[in-house]
Amino acid sequence: MYFYCEKCKKPYPLNTHSYICECGGMFRLHKDKMDEVHNDITLGEVETPLLPLKVGKLEVLLKLENLQPTGSFKDRGAHALINEINHLGIKKIALDSAGNAGASIAAYAAAAGIECTVYVPDDISPEMSKQIEAYGANIVKVPNGRMSTCAAVKKNLGDAYYASHVYNPLFFEGMRPMAKEIYKQLGDRIPEYIFMPVGNGTMMIGLYQGFMELGRLPHFVAVQSSKCAPLYEAFKVVDEQPKKTTIAHAIRIERPKRITTMLEILKQTGGDVVTVEDAEILKAKKYLGSKGVYVEMTSAAALAGAEKFFAKGKPDNYKVVIPMTGSGLKR
């Protein structure tokens, strides 16, 4: 396995301290057929269940990723990333995160005995901050939003490996098995639609790679907040709007680094992008809670998006999967 530049195709070893190509291109992962990501470090990852849910006349299946060890789907990516860099002998990492990725990577780093520093926005929730610190990670709080944390960690990396869930393709590698899980759980069937909240697009990219391996693609529908919707603006070719704070913190990403890849995935899957209001997110979260499902606002945004998309109904035989990205205990 090795990284290569998506623009000029220059190869880089997995243990490189570069996080982008010298030409400015983002890294992708090359794997030969016999290559496998190592699997020595575990926190008890699970195959998450599909839970049937009916919202009015809309029937969906919730993929309960909130049941992963640290409470979010990011554990899949962290498991792959930390296992591989641990195998390479890397013992010091740094990253930036709005919360979930920071908690996941800090937890797996702790299990591997890797020193970890997480740069976070200074408005991170106290619960999320406490979780990251509980794993022994160092927290650096950065003012002025999510983009500032990314700039700060790059400036201060020093001799640390940049274990970024956005820049490092090993993270996406951990998402791929979710596609096969869904396929098996549906009786060797690809769902017609998957709705997912999208910020940096780590789930979208990983799931796309997983379904490509299966040979068939569902329609991917990205859900964003109306207050911060760069993918929607690019996909619909509408004027860029001023970005505002949304209650769905995990998708408050103003300038996603892999937006070109996400646009291509939407094209390849015959997908779409839906935006939702904070009031719609709150309504969906309340409904999920009334059914015994306690998740973060970002998960509720995905359900709100599915409701809006299928406002006029859907064919009865369509299978619609909605990953519940994180636990409500985090905020």
C-alpha atoms as a PDB file:
ATOM      1  CA  MET A   1       0.000   0.000   0.000  1.00  0.00           C
ATOM      2  CA  TYR A   2       1.057   3.573  -0.601  1.00  0.00           C
ATOM      3  CA  PHE A   3      -0.390   7.042  -1.057  1.00  0.00           C
ATOM      4  CA  TYR A   4      -0.413   8.753  -4.421  1.00  0.00           C
ATOM      5  CA  CYS A   5      -1.381  12.245  -5.546  1.00  0.00           C
ATOM      6  CA  GLU A   6      -4.803  12.477  -7.167  1.00  0.00           C
ATOM      7  CA  LYS A   7      -3.429  15.138  -9.544  1.00  0.00           C
ATOM      8  CA  CYS A   8       0.100  14.187 -10.620  1.00  0.00           C
ATOM      9  CA  LYS A   9       0.065  10.532  -9.385  1.00  0.00           C
ATOM     10  CA  LYS A  10       3.351  10.888  -7.474  1.00  0.00           C
ATOM     11  CA  PRO A  11       3.660   8.058  -4.894  1.00  0.00           C
ATOM     12  CA  TYR A  12       4.330   8.595  -1.173  1.00  0.00           C
ATOM     13  CA  PRO A  13       4.958   6.025   1.585  1.00  0.00           C
ATOM     14  CA  LEU A  14       2.268   5.605   4.254  1.00  0.00           C
ATOM     15  CA  ASN A  15       4.591   6.973   6.927  1.00  0.00           C
ATOM     16  CA  THR A  16       5.251  10.230   5.065  1.00  0.00           C
ATOM     17  CA  HIS A  17       5.034  13.399   7.144  1.00  0.00           C
ATOM     18  CA  SER A  18       3.650  15.176   4.091  1.00  0.00           C
ATOM     19  CA  TYR A  19      -0.127  15.392   4.134  1.00  0.00           C
ATOM     20  CA  ILE A  20      -0.533  16.656   0.570  1.00  0.00           C
ATOM     21  CA  CYS A  21       1.569  16.267  -2.559  1.00  0.00           C
ATOM     22  CA  GLU A  22       4.208  18.889  -3.329  1.00  0.00           C
ATOM     23  CA  CYS A  23       1.972  19.901  -6.265  1.00  0.00           C
ATOM     24  CA  GLY A  24      -0.890  20.576  -3.855  1.00  0.00           C
ATOM     25  CA  GLY A  25      -2.959  17.496  -4.705  1.00  0.00           C
ATOM     26  CA  MET A  26      -4.729  15.397  -2.080  1.00  0.00           C
ATOM     27  CA  PHE A  27      -3.604  11.846  -1.375  1.00  0.00           C
ATOM     28  CA  ARG A  28      -5.435   8.692  -2.373  1.00  0.00           C
ATOM     29  CA  LEU A  29      -4.627   5.137  -1.286  1.00  0.00           C
ATOM     30  CA  HIS A  30      -3.261   2.468  -3.623  1.00  0.00           C
ATOM     31  CA  LYS A  31      -3.863  -1.137  -2.556  1.00  0.00           C
ATOM     32  CA  ASP A  32      -2.875  -4.336  -4.271  1.00  0.00           C
ATOM     33  CA  LYS A  33      -5.285  -7.281  -4.127  1.00  0.00           C
ATOM     34  CA  MET A  34      -3.320  -8.934  -1.337  1.00  0.00           C
ATOM     35  CA  ASP A  35      -2.969  -5.787   0.791  1.00  0.00           C
ATOM     36  CA  GLU A  36      -4.886  -5.763   4.073  1.00  0.00           C
ATOM     37  CA  VAL A  37      -5.025  -3.084   6.757  1.00  0.00           C
ATOM     38  CA  HIS A  38      -3.638  -4.414  10.030  1.00  0.00           C
ATOM     39  CA  ASN A  39      -6.083  -5.297  12.786  1.00  0.00           C
ATOM     40  CA  ASP A  40      -4.112  -5.635  16.019  1.00  0.00           C
ATOM     41  CA  ILE A  41      -5.675  -2.741  17.945  1.00  0.00           C
ATOM     42  CA  THR A  42      -9.348  -3.098  18.840  1.00  0.00           C
ATOM     43  CA  LEU A  43     -11.889  -1.494  21.150  1.00  0.00           C
ATOM     44  CA  GLY A  44     -14.616  -4.013  20.384  1.00  0.00           C
ATOM     45  CA  GLU A  45     -15.972  -2.627  17.124  1.00  0.00           C
ATOM     46  CA  VAL A  46     -19.358  -4.060  16.169  1.00  0.00           C
ATOM     47  CA  GLU A  47     -21.436  -4.729  13.104  1.00  0.00           C
ATOM     48  CA  THR A  48     -24.118  -2.158  13.819  1.00  0.00           C
ATOM     49  CA  PRO A  49     -27.760  -3.151  13.374  1.00  0.00           C
ATOM     50  CA  LEU A  50     -30.316  -1.782  10.934  1.00  0.00           C
ATOM     51  CA  LEU A  51     -33.321  -0.539  12.885  1.00  0.00           C
ATOM     52  CA  PRO A  52     -36.654  -0.143  11.011  1.00  0.00           C
ATOM     53  CA  LEU A  53     -38.355   3.204  11.660  1.00  0.00           C
ATOM     54  CA  LYS A  54     -41.550   4.715  10.312  1.00  0.00           C
ATOM     55  CA  VAL A  55     -41.947   8.489  10.124  1.00  0.00           C
ATOM     56  CA  GLY A  56     -45.457   9.208   8.949  1.00  0.00           C
ATOM     57  CA  LYS A  57     -45.719   7.123   5.779  1.00  0.00           C
ATOM     58  CA  LEU A  58     -41.952   7.015   5.248  1.00  0.00           C
ATOM     59  CA  GLU A  59     -40.252   3.749   6.160  1.00  0.00           C
ATOM     60  CA  VAL A  60     -36.490   3.854   6.653  1.00  0.00           C
ATOM     61  CA  LEU A  61     -33.704   1.769   8.163  1.00  0.00           C
ATOM     62  CA  LEU A  62     -31.418   3.397  10.712  1.00  0.00           C
ATOM     63  CA  LYS A  63     -27.826   2.143  10.679  1.00  0.00           C
ATOM     64  CA  LEU A  64     -26.951   2.539  14.363  1.00  0.00           C
ATOM     65  CA  GLU A  65     -23.362   3.752  14.181  1.00  0.00           C
ATOM     66  CA  ASN A  66     -23.918   5.513  17.502  1.00  0.00           C
ATOM     67  CA  LEU A  67     -23.329   2.082  19.086  1.00  0.00           C
ATOM     68  CA  GLN A  68     -19.637   1.987  18.129  1.00  0.00           C
ATOM     69  CA  PRO A  69     -17.084   2.030  21.014  1.00  0.00           C
ATOM     70  CA  THR A  70     -16.679   5.818  21.323  1.00  0.00           C
ATOM     71  CA  GLY A  71     -20.209   6.555  20.147  1.00  0.00           C
ATOM     72  CA  SER A  72     -19.726   7.481  16.492  1.00  0.00           C
ATOM     73  CA  PHE A  73     -19.116   6.088  13.011  1.00  0.00           C
ATOM     74  CA  LYS A  74     -15.657   7.692  13.076  1.00  0.00           C
ATOM     75  CA  ASP A  75     -14.470   4.635  15.025  1.00  0.00           C
ATOM     76  CA  ARG A  76     -14.397   2.719  11.748  1.00  0.00           C
ATOM     77  CA  GLY A  77     -11.904   5.122  10.214  1.00  0.00           C
ATOM     78  CA  ALA A  78      -9.889   5.546  13.405  1.00  0.00           C
ATOM     79  CA  HIS A  79      -9.556   1.760  13.730  1.00  0.00           C
ATOM     80  CA  ALA A  80      -7.996   1.458  10.268  1.00  0.00           C
ATOM     81  CA  LEU A  81      -5.823   4.565  10.544  1.00  0.00           C
ATOM     82  CA  ILE A  82      -4.353   3.827  13.973  1.00  0.00           C
ATOM     83  CA  ASN A  83      -3.800   0.144  13.239  1.00  0.00           C
ATOM     84  CA  GLU A  84      -1.774   0.911  10.142  1.00  0.00           C
ATOM     85  CA  ILE A  85       0.358   3.717  11.571  1.00  0.00           C
ATOM     86  CA  ASN A  86       0.947   1.673  14.728  1.00  0.00           C
ATOM     87  CA  HIS A  87       2.257  -1.129  12.504  1.00  0.00           C
ATOM     88  CA  LEU A  88       4.577   1.422  10.883  1.00  0.00           C
ATOM     89  CA  GLY A  89       5.995   2.316  14.306  1.00  0.00           C
ATOM     90  CA  ILE A  90       4.585   5.855  14.514  1.00  0.00           C
ATOM     91  CA  LYS A  91       4.233   6.885  18.165  1.00  0.00           C
ATOM     92  CA  LYS A  92       3.274  10.565  18.031  1.00  0.00           C
ATOM     93  CA  ILE A  93       0.296  12.044  16.183  1.00  0.00           C
ATOM     94  CA  ALA A  94      -1.657  15.277  15.925  1.00  0.00           C
ATOM     95  CA  LEU A  95      -4.966  16.093  14.295  1.00  0.00           C
ATOM     96  CA  ASP A  96      -7.765  18.636  14.141  1.00  0.00           C
ATOM     97  CA  SER A  97     -11.402  17.792  14.736  1.00  0.00           C
ATOM     98  CA  ALA A  98     -14.779  19.249  15.610  1.00  0.00           C
ATOM     99  CA  GLY A  99     -15.194  16.394  18.105  1.00  0.00           C
ATOM    100  CA  ASN A 100     -16.171  12.912  16.954  1.00  0.00           C
ATOM    101  CA  ALA A 101     -13.020  12.157  14.937  1.00  0.00           C
ATOM    102  CA  GLY A 102     -10.875  13.555  17.719  1.00  0.00           C
ATOM    103  CA  ALA A 103     -12.515  11.266  20.278  1.00  0.00           C
ATOM    104  CA  SER A 104     -12.257   8.211  18.036  1.00  0.00           C
ATOM    105  CA  ILE A 105      -8.629   8.702  17.070  1.00  0.00           C
ATOM    106  CA  ALA A 106      -7.650   9.603  20.645  1.00  0.00           C
ATOM    107  CA  ALA A 107      -9.281   6.406  21.926  1.00  0.00           C
ATOM    108  CA  TYR A 108      -7.542   4.118  19.440  1.00  0.00           C
ATOM    109  CA  ALA A 109      -4.263   5.980  19.938  1.00  0.00           C
ATOM    110  CA  ALA A 110      -4.576   5.326  23.672  1.00  0.00           C
ATOM    111  CA  ALA A 111      -5.130   1.628  23.014  1.00  0.00           C
ATOM    112  CA  ALA A 112      -2.006   1.597  20.818  1.00  0.00           C
ATOM    113  CA  GLY A 113       0.153   3.602  23.213  1.00  0.00           C
ATOM    114  CA  ILE A 114       0.499   6.485  20.751  1.00  0.00           C
ATOM    115  CA  GLU A 115       0.892  10.061  21.987  1.00  0.00           C
ATOM    116  CA  CYS A 116      -1.987  12.141  20.655  1.00  0.00           C
ATOM    117  CA  THR A 117      -2.736  15.872  20.442  1.00  0.00           C
ATOM    118  CA  VAL A 118      -6.123  17.059  19.221  1.00  0.00           C
ATOM    119  CA  TYR A 119      -6.743  20.619  18.035  1.00  0.00           C
ATOM    120  CA  VAL A 120     -10.422  21.552  18.493  1.00  0.00           C
ATOM    121  CA  PRO A 121     -12.593  24.657  18.048  1.00  0.00           C
ATOM    122  CA  ASP A 122     -12.935  26.570  21.303  1.00  0.00           C
ATOM    123  CA  ASP A 123     -16.729  26.135  21.171  1.00  0.00           C
ATOM    124  CA  ILE A 124     -16.456  22.334  21.379  1.00  0.00           C
ATOM    125  CA  SER A 125     -19.035  20.870  23.739  1.00  0.00           C
ATOM    126  CA  PRO A 126     -17.798  20.180  27.305  1.00  0.00           C
ATOM    127  CA  GLU A 127     -18.916  16.538  26.949  1.00  0.00           C
ATOM    128  CA  MET A 128     -16.843  16.039  23.819  1.00  0.00           C
ATOM    129  CA  SER A 129     -13.826  17.738  25.337  1.00  0.00           C
ATOM    130  CA  LYS A 130     -14.028  15.546  28.442  1.00  0.00           C
ATOM    131  CA  GLN A 131     -14.251  12.421  26.318  1.00  0.00           C
ATOM    132  CA  ILE A 132     -11.114  13.274  24.342  1.00  0.00           C
ATOM    133  CA  GLU A 133      -9.213  14.129  27.533  1.00  0.00           C
ATOM    134  CA  ALA A 134     -10.361  10.885  29.167  1.00  0.00           C
ATOM    135  CA  TYR A 135      -8.314   8.982  26.585  1.00  0.00           C
ATOM    136  CA  GLY A 136      -5.174  10.825  27.688  1.00  0.00           C
ATOM    137  CA  ALA A 137      -4.945  13.057  24.630  1.00  0.00           C
ATOM    138  CA  ASN A 138      -3.694  16.614  24.809  1.00  0.00           C
ATOM    139  CA  ILE A 139      -6.323  19.168  23.765  1.00  0.00           C
ATOM    140  CA  VAL A 140      -5.487  22.484  22.145  1.00  0.00           C
ATOM    141  CA  LYS A 141      -8.485  24.804  21.843  1.00  0.00           C
ATOM    142  CA  VAL A 142      -8.358  27.197  18.893  1.00  0.00           C
ATOM    143  CA  PRO A 143     -10.592  30.293  18.466  1.00  0.00           C
ATOM    144  CA  ASN A 144     -12.414  31.365  15.303  1.00  0.00           C
ATOM    145  CA  GLY A 145     -13.947  28.114  14.164  1.00  0.00           C
ATOM    146  CA  ARG A 146     -13.187  24.784  12.557  1.00  0.00           C
ATOM    147  CA  MET A 147     -10.985  26.073   9.726  1.00  0.00           C
ATOM    148  CA  SER A 148      -8.681  27.776  12.219  1.00  0.00           C
ATOM    149  CA  THR A 149      -8.044  24.462  13.985  1.00  0.00           C
ATOM    150  CA  CYS A 150      -6.880  22.940  10.705  1.00  0.00           C
ATOM    151  CA  ALA A 151      -4.459  25.801  10.128  1.00  0.00           C
ATOM    152  CA  ALA A 152      -3.183  25.624  13.715  1.00  0.00           C
ATOM    153  CA  VAL A 153      -2.334  21.924  13.695  1.00  0.00           C
ATOM    154  CA  LYS A 154      -0.490  22.196  10.376  1.00  0.00           C
ATOM    155  CA  LYS A 155       1.557  25.094  11.737  1.00  0.00           C
ATOM    156  CA  ASN A 156       2.494  23.207  14.897  1.00  0.00           C
ATOM    157  CA  LEU A 157       2.937  19.607  13.724  1.00  0.00           C
ATOM    158  CA  GLY A 158       6.635  19.442  14.524  1.00  0.00           C
ATOM    159  CA  ASP A 159       7.689  15.776  14.483  1.00  0.00           C
ATOM    160  CA  ALA A 160       4.127  14.476  14.882  1.00  0.00           C
ATOM    161  CA  TYR A 161       2.387  12.460  12.153  1.00  0.00           C
ATOM    162  CA  TYR A 162      -0.723  14.249  10.871  1.00  0.00           C
ATOM    163  CA  ALA A 163      -3.438  11.672  11.582  1.00  0.00           C
ATOM    164  CA  SER A 164      -6.150  13.613   9.782  1.00  0.00           C
ATOM    165  CA  HIS A 165      -9.514  12.033   9.058  1.00  0.00           C
ATOM    166  CA  VAL A 166      -9.780  14.379   6.055  1.00  0.00           C
ATOM    167  CA  TYR A 167      -6.303  14.278   4.519  1.00  0.00           C
ATOM    168  CA  ASN A 168      -5.295  10.674   5.296  1.00  0.00           C
ATOM    169  CA  PRO A 169      -6.949   8.080   2.982  1.00  0.00           C
ATOM    170  CA  LEU A 170      -6.381   5.300   5.539  1.00  0.00           C
ATOM    171  CA  PHE A 171      -9.353   6.760   7.402  1.00  0.00           C
ATOM    172  CA  PHE A 172     -11.667   6.184   4.428  1.00  0.00           C
ATOM    173  CA  GLU A 173     -10.407   2.615   4.244  1.00  0.00           C
ATOM    174  CA  GLY A 174     -12.092   1.925   7.576  1.00  0.00           C
ATOM    175  CA  MET A 175     -15.472   3.070   6.248  1.00  0.00           C
ATOM    176  CA  ARG A 176     -15.604   0.606   3.368  1.00  0.00           C
ATOM    177  CA  PRO A 177     -16.794  -2.456   5.354  1.00  0.00           C
ATOM    178  CA  MET A 178     -20.009  -0.615   6.284  1.00  0.00           C
ATOM    179  CA  ALA A 179     -21.187  -1.033   2.680  1.00  0.00           C
ATOM    180  CA  LYS A 180     -20.769  -4.810   2.830  1.00  0.00           C
ATOM    181  CA  GLU A 181     -22.546  -4.900   6.217  1.00  0.00           C
ATOM    182  CA  ILE A 182     -25.563  -3.097   4.785  1.00  0.00           C
ATOM    183  CA  TYR A 183     -25.572  -5.375   1.741  1.00  0.00           C
ATOM    184  CA  LYS A 184     -25.586  -8.534   3.894  1.00  0.00           C
ATOM    185  CA  GLN A 185     -28.160  -7.159   6.333  1.00  0.00           C
ATOM    186  CA  LEU A 186     -30.531  -6.494   3.441  1.00  0.00           C
ATOM    187  CA  GLY A 187     -30.188 -10.084   2.222  1.00  0.00           C
ATOM    188  CA  ASP A 188     -27.491  -9.469  -0.398  1.00  0.00           C
ATOM    189  CA  ARG A 189     -29.243  -6.377  -1.694  1.00  0.00           C
ATOM    190  CA  ILE A 190     -28.058  -2.831  -2.370  1.00  0.00           C
ATOM    191  CA  PRO A 191     -30.413  -0.206  -0.896  1.00  0.00           C
ATOM    192  CA  GLU A 192     -31.973   2.224  -3.336  1.00  0.00           C
ATOM    193  CA  TYR A 193     -30.990   5.267  -1.245  1.00  0.00           C
ATOM    194  CA  ILE A 194     -28.551   6.195   1.493  1.00  0.00           C
ATOM    195  CA  PHE A 195     -28.989   9.527   3.252  1.00  0.00           C
ATOM    196  CA  MET A 196     -25.999  10.869   5.148  1.00  0.00           C
ATOM    197  CA  PRO A 197     -25.069  14.142   6.818  1.00  0.00           C
ATOM    198  CA  VAL A 198     -22.048  15.567   5.013  1.00  0.00           C
ATOM    199  CA  GLY A 199     -19.331  17.889   6.263  1.00  0.00           C
ATOM    200  CA  ASN A 200     -15.917  16.696   5.118  1.00  0.00           C
ATOM    201  CA  GLY A 201     -17.462  13.674   3.410  1.00  0.00           C
ATOM    202  CA  THR A 202     -15.495  10.883   5.108  1.00  0.00           C
ATOM    203  CA  MET A 203     -18.505   8.564   5.297  1.00  0.00           C
ATOM    204  CA  MET A 204     -19.574   9.335   1.734  1.00  0.00           C
ATOM    205  CA  ILE A 205     -16.132   8.596   0.293  1.00  0.00           C
ATOM    206  CA  GLY A 206     -15.656   5.397   2.293  1.00  0.00           C
ATOM    207  CA  LEU A 207     -19.130   4.046   1.538  1.00  0.00           C
ATOM    208  CA  TYR A 208     -18.690   4.825  -2.141  1.00  0.00           C
ATOM    209  CA  GLN A 209     -15.477   2.806  -2.219  1.00  0.00           C
ATOM    210  CA  GLY A 210     -17.206  -0.053  -0.401  1.00  0.00           C
ATOM    211  CA  PHE A 211     -20.177  -0.199  -2.753  1.00  0.00           C
ATOM    212  CA  MET A 212     -17.876   0.049  -5.770  1.00  0.00           C
ATOM    213  CA  GLU A 213     -16.253  -3.172  -4.569  1.00  0.00           C
ATOM    214  CA  LEU A 214     -19.702  -4.777  -4.501  1.00  0.00           C
ATOM    215  CA  GLY A 215     -20.293  -3.687  -8.083  1.00  0.00           C
ATOM    216  CA  ARG A 216     -23.505  -1.702  -7.584  1.00  0.00           C
ATOM    217  CA  LEU A 217     -24.249   1.752  -6.214  1.00  0.00           C
ATOM    218  CA  PRO A 218     -27.192   3.139  -4.260  1.00  0.00           C
ATOM    219  CA  HIS A 219     -28.268   6.732  -4.775  1.00  0.00           C
ATOM    220  CA  PHE A 220     -26.274   8.867  -2.331  1.00  0.00           C
ATOM    221  CA  VAL A 221     -28.156  11.839  -0.887  1.00  0.00           C
ATOM    222  CA  ALA A 222     -26.027  14.271   1.104  1.00  0.00           C
ATOM    223  CA  VAL A 223     -27.760  16.307   3.803  1.00  0.00           C
ATOM    224  CA  GLN A 224     -26.420  19.677   4.885  1.00  0.00           C
ATOM    225  CA  SER A 225     -27.624  22.516   7.073  1.00  0.00           C
ATOM    226  CA  SER A 226     -29.130  25.453   5.212  1.00  0.00           C
ATOM    227  CA  LYS A 227     -26.749  27.600   7.285  1.00  0.00           C
ATOM    228  CA  CYS A 228     -23.614  25.865   5.991  1.00  0.00           C
ATOM    229  CA  ALA A 229     -24.064  24.066   2.677  1.00  0.00           C
ATOM    230  CA  PRO A 230     -20.982  24.309   0.432  1.00  0.00           C
ATOM    231  CA  LEU A 231     -21.648  20.947  -1.259  1.00  0.00           C
ATOM    232  CA  TYR A 232     -25.261  21.915  -1.984  1.00  0.00           C
ATOM    233  CA  GLU A 233     -24.119  25.235  -3.492  1.00  0.00           C
ATOM    234  CA  ALA A 234     -21.534  23.525  -5.685  1.00  0.00           C
ATOM    235  CA  PHE A 235     -23.850  20.691  -6.768  1.00  0.00           C
ATOM    236  CA  LYS A 236     -26.816  22.922  -7.547  1.00  0.00           C
ATOM    237  CA  VAL A 237     -24.563  25.668  -8.979  1.00  0.00           C
ATOM    238  CA  VAL A 238     -26.101  28.400  -6.856  1.00  0.00           C
ATOM    239  CA  ASP A 239     -24.503  31.510  -5.362  1.00  0.00           C
ATOM    240  CA  GLU A 240     -22.411  30.897  -2.274  1.00  0.00           C
ATOM    241  CA  GLN A 241     -24.138  32.064   0.899  1.00  0.00           C
ATOM    242  CA  PRO A 242     -22.563  33.464   4.076  1.00  0.00           C
ATOM    243  CA  LYS A 243     -21.868  30.587   6.474  1.00  0.00           C
ATOM    244  CA  LYS A 244     -23.594  30.660   9.864  1.00  0.00           C
ATOM    245  CA  THR A 245     -23.566  28.547  12.988  1.00  0.00           C
ATOM    246  CA  THR A 246     -25.857  25.517  12.953  1.00  0.00           C
ATOM    247  CA  ILE A 247     -26.890  23.182  15.745  1.00  0.00           C
ATOM    248  CA  ALA A 248     -25.528  20.291  13.639  1.00  0.00           C
ATOM    249  CA  HIS A 249     -21.926  21.076  14.602  1.00  0.00           C
ATOM    250  CA  ALA A 250     -20.317  18.054  12.917  1.00  0.00           C
ATOM    251  CA  ILE A 251     -21.330  19.250   9.431  1.00  0.00           C
ATOM    252  CA  ARG A 252     -20.363  22.867   9.976  1.00  0.00           C
ATOM    253  CA  ILE A 253     -17.522  22.673   7.432  1.00  0.00           C
ATOM    254  CA  GLU A 254     -17.257  25.787   5.297  1.00  0.00           C
ATOM    255  CA  ARG A 255     -14.641  24.623   2.779  1.00  0.00           C
ATOM    256  CA  PRO A 256     -14.399  20.825   2.566  1.00  0.00           C
ATOM    257  CA  LYS A 257     -11.057  19.750   1.119  1.00  0.00           C
ATOM    258  CA  ARG A 258     -12.470  16.858  -0.928  1.00  0.00           C
ATOM    259  CA  ILE A 259     -15.497  18.602  -2.396  1.00  0.00           C
ATOM    260  CA  THR A 260     -14.453  17.686  -5.966  1.00  0.00           C
ATOM    261  CA  THR A 261     -14.429  13.996  -5.010  1.00  0.00           C
ATOM    262  CA  MET A 262     -17.832  14.332  -3.349  1.00  0.00           C
ATOM    263  CA  LEU A 263     -19.328  15.990  -6.427  1.00  0.00           C
ATOM    264  CA  GLU A 264     -18.025  13.150  -8.585  1.00  0.00           C
ATOM    265  CA  ILE A 265     -19.561  10.587  -6.199  1.00  0.00           C
ATOM    266  CA  LEU A 266     -22.947  12.306  -6.394  1.00  0.00           C
ATOM    267  CA  LYS A 267     -22.702  12.212 -10.173  1.00  0.00           C
ATOM    268  CA  GLN A 268     -21.693   8.532 -10.259  1.00  0.00           C
ATOM    269  CA  THR A 269     -24.488   7.476  -7.883  1.00  0.00           C
ATOM    270  CA  GLY A 270     -27.237   9.595  -9.427  1.00  0.00           C
ATOM    271  CA  GLY A 271     -27.352  11.360  -6.088  1.00  0.00           C
ATOM    272  CA  ASP A 272     -28.551  14.663  -4.727  1.00  0.00           C
ATOM    273  CA  VAL A 273     -28.043  17.172  -1.920  1.00  0.00           C
ATOM    274  CA  VAL A 274     -30.754  18.345   0.460  1.00  0.00           C
ATOM    275  CA  THR A 275     -30.553  21.185   2.970  1.00  0.00           C
ATOM    276  CA  VAL A 276     -32.523  21.339   6.206  1.00  0.00           C
ATOM    277  CA  GLU A 277     -33.342  24.054   8.711  1.00  0.00           C
ATOM    278  CA  ASP A 278     -32.359  23.862  12.383  1.00  0.00           C
ATOM    279  CA  ALA A 279     -36.052  23.625  13.296  1.00  0.00           C
ATOM    280  CA  GLU A 280     -36.388  20.530  11.078  1.00  0.00           C
ATOM    281  CA  ILE A 281     -33.326  18.982  12.715  1.00  0.00           C
ATOM    282  CA  LEU A 282     -34.741  19.589  16.190  1.00  0.00           C
ATOM    283  CA  LYS A 283     -38.061  18.066  15.174  1.00  0.00           C
ATOM    284  CA  ALA A 284     -36.346  14.957  13.796  1.00  0.00           C
ATOM    285  CA  LYS A 285     -34.196  14.600  16.920  1.00  0.00           C
ATOM    286  CA  LYS A 286     -37.251  14.819  19.143  1.00  0.00           C
ATOM    287  CA  TYR A 287     -39.013  12.171  17.067  1.00  0.00           C
ATOM    288  CA  LEU A 288     -36.026   9.835  17.206  1.00  0.00           C
ATOM    289  CA  GLY A 289     -35.896  10.260  20.966  1.00  0.00           C
ATOM    290  CA  SER A 290     -39.589   9.408  21.217  1.00  0.00           C
ATOM    291  CA  LYS A 291     -38.739   6.093  19.527  1.00  0.00           C
ATOM    292  CA  GLY A 292     -35.869   5.335  21.890  1.00  0.00           C
ATOM    293  CA  VAL A 293     -33.047   6.475  19.611  1.00  0.00           C
ATOM    294  CA  TYR A 294     -30.840   9.110  21.268  1.00  0.00           C
ATOM    295  CA  VAL A 295     -28.438  10.587  18.723  1.00  0.00           C
ATOM    296  CA  GLU A 296     -26.564  13.793  17.974  1.00  0.00           C
ATOM    297  CA  MET A 297     -28.095  16.632  15.974  1.00  0.00           C
ATOM    298  CA  THR A 298     -26.140  15.663  12.878  1.00  0.00           C
ATOM    299  CA  SER A 299     -27.807  12.232  12.797  1.00  0.00           C
ATOM    300  CA  ALA A 300     -31.206  13.886  13.119  1.00  0.00           C
ATOM    301  CA  ALA A 301     -30.320  16.130  10.171  1.00  0.00           C
ATOM    302  CA  ALA A 302     -30.043  13.041   7.947  1.00  0.00           C
ATOM    303  CA  LEU A 303     -33.543  11.896   8.917  1.00  0.00           C
ATOM    304  CA  ALA A 304     -34.913  15.410   8.349  1.00  0.00           C
ATOM    305  CA  GLY A 305     -33.310  15.355   4.910  1.00  0.00           C
ATOM    306  CA  ALA A 306     -34.936  12.036   4.016  1.00  0.00           C
ATOM    307  CA  GLU A 307     -38.336  13.358   5.108  1.00  0.00           C
ATOM    308  CA  LYS A 308     -37.921  16.423   2.915  1.00  0.00           C
ATOM    309  CA  PHE A 309     -36.658  14.432  -0.076  1.00  0.00           C
ATOM    310  CA  PHE A 310     -39.578  11.984   0.086  1.00  0.00           C
ATOM    311  CA  ALA A 311     -42.213  14.558   1.039  1.00  0.00           C
ATOM    312  CA  LYS A 312     -44.423  13.288  -1.803  1.00  0.00           C
ATOM    313  CA  GLY A 313     -43.817   9.642  -0.922  1.00  0.00           C
ATOM    314  CA  LYS A 314     -41.540   6.853  -2.139  1.00  0.00           C
ATOM    315  CA  PRO A 315     -42.100   3.491  -3.818  1.00  0.00           C
ATOM    316  CA  ASP A 316     -42.911   0.831  -1.212  1.00  0.00           C
ATOM    317  CA  ASN A 317     -40.159  -1.488  -2.412  1.00  0.00           C
ATOM    318  CA  TYR A 318     -37.364   1.081  -2.002  1.00  0.00           C
ATOM    319  CA  LYS A 319     -34.925   0.440   0.833  1.00  0.00           C
ATOM    320  CA  VAL A 320     -33.700   3.671   2.434  1.00  0.00           C
ATOM    321  CA  VAL A 321     -30.761   3.532   4.858  1.00  0.00           C
ATOM    322  CA  ILE A 322     -29.823   6.400   7.177  1.00  0.00           C
ATOM    323  CA  PRO A 323     -26.626   6.081   9.256  1.00  0.00           C
ATOM    324  CA  MET A 324     -27.001   7.460  12.776  1.00  0.00           C
ATOM    325  CA  THR A 325     -23.570   9.050  12.917  1.00  0.00           C
ATOM    326  CA  GLY A 326     -23.162   9.670  16.631  1.00  0.00           C
ATOM    327  CA  SER A 327     -24.597   9.333  20.115  1.00  0.00           C
ATOM    328  CA  GLY A 328     -26.662  12.059  21.743  1.00  0.00           C
ATOM    329  CA  LEU A 329     -24.561  11.669  24.888  1.00  0.00           C
ATOM    330  CA  LYS A 330     -21.782  13.634  23.232  1.00  0.00           C
ATOM    331  CA  ARG A 331     -23.587  16.988  23.503  1.00  0.00           C
END
